[in-house]
Amino acid sequence: MKVCGLASLEDARLAARAGADYLGFILAESPRQLSPDQLIKLTAALRKELPPDDCPDLVGVFLNQSLALINRIAGEGQLDYIQLHGWESPEFCRQVSLPVIKSISIRERKSLARISDFEELDRPAAASNSSGKVCRADKKQKSKIPQNNITLNNNIAAYLLDTYYPDKGGGGGKGFNWQLLNDRSLQELSRRKKVFLAGGLSPTNVQSASRQPNITGLDVSSGLEKSPGRKDPGKIRKFFKVLRKNSIKQTGE
């Protein structure tokens, strides 16, 4: 479970304590954008405050920005993953210094075909189980992205499926047609790599979202806000309460 668009230590702390596995910080142009200095200070405070086992993985979100900037912030910001939310090429992703979460904009079924452009660089022979639980019930058992399918040719650790917008990379708070997720190629991919669902998630639809086929992670941002860049504690608590309750039901089914 990834909570994105965090812009303050207070909100990041709240998301971590609620049960988030990943915390996302936006470095691209956005109402939730952090400057590099703000990010570095925020992540340093989190690393200092939270024990390693309790600290979610930290994700820097970029959109069509320079490789030099991305790799510098990856190190100075003590990040675990880089999320690329633009039109970055497979070759560009391969040069990023950390494992990559690659965003794919979904408008129609053939939008999923873009994933093959990245995956054809490297086809692991053996499949690994990357599903796990969408939300960890125990904070000590983090829903980690598997690393055994990251190679020199393909350092993409996960994909994030978000709504297509003609004028921006994402963050519009709208969902796409989830029926598109019932896809054979996506099913095969989800056995090897983590696949996040993003776009318009909120406490009102998280139960349905967590039951979608071929999805092994959720990404939420604006659905937990009271205003852009400011999270609503009540919405965060409700979101994770519903998610955790649904996870328990699925385990008992």
Foldseek 3Di string as FASTA:
>chain_A
DEEELAQDLVVQVLLLVLFHQEYEQECEDDLSHDPLVSLLVSLVVQPVPDDPLSHHAYEYEDEPDDLVVQQVSCVSNVHQEYEYLYDDALVSCLSRPHQYAYEQADDDLCSVVVVCRNPVQDDDPDFAALAPAQTDPDSSDRSDQDQPRADSRHRHREYEYEHDDPPDRHDPLAAYPLVSCPDPVLLRVLRHHAYEYEHNDFLVCLLVVRPRPSHRYYYYYPNQAPDRNHGDSVRSNSNSVSSSVSRVVVVVD
